[in-house]
């Protein structure tokens, strides 16, 4: 068969059997716009809440690991800490070692 005849037959069948109000694409786009506006605000709010939670958890863990224990408070009071104030920069990141303490049980 000729491709033009097939195309013409398909178009005629489409016009006869599919009603004009069958095009739901505009309604779908309208619904998607409403959903995306609401979900953007909700997504932003959830992102901020999650970031706050993660930052709080990381701060708690780091503070617990870095904070002075009672033994170190005694070492600091006895002035056994060595002040170093050494800095090194690698790829734009600077690390500063302000002080150090070493004994038979720990390196701080």
Protein backbone atom coordinates (compact mmCIF):
# COMPACT_ATOMS: atom_id res chain seq x y z
CA UNK A 1 0.00 0.00 0.00
CA UNK A 2 0.97 3.57 -0.49
CA UNK A 3 2.22 5.37 2.67
CA UNK A 4 0.02 8.36 1.88
CA UNK A 5 -3.11 6.20 1.78
CA UNK A 6 -2.25 4.61 5.13
CA UNK A 7 -1.55 8.00 6.70
CA UNK A 8 -4.80 9.42 5.31
CA UNK A 9 -6.80 6.43 6.59
CA UNK A 10 -5.27 6.72 10.06
CA UNK A 11 -6.02 10.44 10.23
CA UNK A 12 -9.62 9.92 9.15
CA UNK A 13 -10.10 7.17 11.73
CA UNK A 14 -8.61 9.40 14.41
CA UNK A 15 -10.93 12.28 13.53
CA UNK A 16 -13.99 10.05 13.55
CA UNK A 17 -13.33 8.01 16.71
CA UNK A 18 -11.51 10.36 19.09
CA UNK A 19 -13.61 13.23 20.46
CA UNK A 20 -12.26 16.79 20.49
CA UNK A 21 -12.30 16.99 24.29
CA UNK A 22 -10.03 13.94 24.55
CA UNK A 23 -6.90 16.12 24.68
CA UNK A 24 -6.05 16.05 28.38
CA UNK A 25 -2.57 17.54 28.01
CA UNK A 26 -3.56 21.11 29.03
CA UNK A 27 -5.23 19.80 32.21
CA UNK A 28 -2.17 17.70 33.02
CA UNK A 29 0.13 20.70 32.58
CA UNK A 30 -2.09 22.81 34.84
CA UNK A 31 -2.05 20.16 37.56
CA UNK A 32 1.72 19.76 37.26
CA UNK A 33 2.26 23.50 37.64
CA UNK A 34 0.23 23.55 40.87
CA UNK A 35 2.03 20.53 42.25
CA UNK A 36 5.48 21.84 41.36
CA UNK A 37 4.84 25.22 43.02
CA UNK A 38 3.72 23.59 46.25
CA UNK A 39 6.41 20.94 46.17
CA UNK A 40 9.20 23.49 45.62
CA UNK A 41 8.40 25.23 48.88
CA UNK A 42 7.99 21.95 50.70
CA UNK A 43 11.22 20.61 49.22
CA UNK A 44 13.09 23.74 50.29
CA UNK A 45 11.69 23.51 53.81
CA UNK A 46 12.56 19.82 54.14
CA UNK A 47 16.05 20.46 52.78
CA UNK A 48 16.68 23.18 55.37
CA UNK A 49 15.39 20.97 58.19
CA UNK A 50 17.54 18.02 57.08
CA UNK A 51 20.62 20.22 56.72
CA UNK A 52 20.05 21.65 60.21
CA UNK A 53 19.78 18.13 61.62
CA UNK A 54 22.93 16.95 59.87
CA UNK A 55 24.93 20.00 60.97
CA UNK A 56 23.73 19.56 64.55
CA UNK A 57 24.69 15.87 64.56
CA UNK A 58 28.12 16.56 63.08
CA UNK A 59 28.74 19.34 65.59
CA UNK A 60 27.79 17.04 68.48
CA UNK A 61 30.10 14.27 67.26
CA UNK A 62 33.04 16.59 66.58
CA UNK A 63 32.57 18.47 69.84
CA UNK A 64 32.50 15.18 71.73
CA UNK A 65 35.73 14.04 70.09
CA UNK A 66 37.61 17.32 70.34
CA UNK A 67 36.37 18.56 73.72
CA UNK A 68 38.81 18.36 76.62
CA UNK A 69 38.35 15.51 79.02
CA UNK A 70 38.92 15.95 82.78
CA UNK A 71 42.46 14.55 82.53
CA UNK A 72 43.37 17.15 79.92
CA UNK A 73 41.95 19.92 82.07
CA UNK A 74 44.48 18.93 84.76
CA UNK A 75 47.29 18.83 82.19
CA UNK A 76 46.33 22.29 80.98
CA UNK A 77 46.14 23.61 84.56
CA UNK A 78 49.64 22.21 85.26
CA UNK A 79 50.89 23.97 82.10
CA UNK A 80 52.16 20.73 80.52
CA UNK A 81 50.79 21.60 77.07
CA UNK A 82 53.33 22.63 74.44
CA UNK A 83 52.29 25.63 72.35
CA UNK A 84 53.26 25.00 68.70
CA UNK A 85 51.27 27.42 66.51
CA UNK A 86 52.29 25.62 63.30
CA UNK A 87 50.37 26.20 60.07
CA UNK A 88 50.47 24.55 56.68
CA UNK A 89 48.42 25.37 53.59
CA UNK A 90 47.71 22.75 50.92
CA UNK A 91 45.44 23.52 47.95
CA UNK A 92 44.07 26.63 49.65
CA UNK A 93 43.19 24.82 52.89
CA UNK A 94 45.14 25.88 55.98
CA UNK A 95 45.58 23.61 58.98
CA UNK A 96 46.90 25.11 62.23
CA UNK A 97 48.26 23.02 65.09
CA UNK A 98 48.05 25.32 68.09
CA UNK A 99 49.23 23.00 70.87
CA UNK A 100 50.16 19.38 71.60
CA UNK A 101 50.49 17.04 74.58
CA UNK A 102 51.95 13.53 74.72
CA UNK A 103 52.25 11.10 77.60
CA UNK A 104 52.36 7.32 77.94
CA UNK A 105 48.61 6.97 77.34
CA UNK A 106 47.61 9.61 74.83
CA UNK A 107 48.57 12.00 72.07
CA UNK A 108 46.42 15.13 72.04
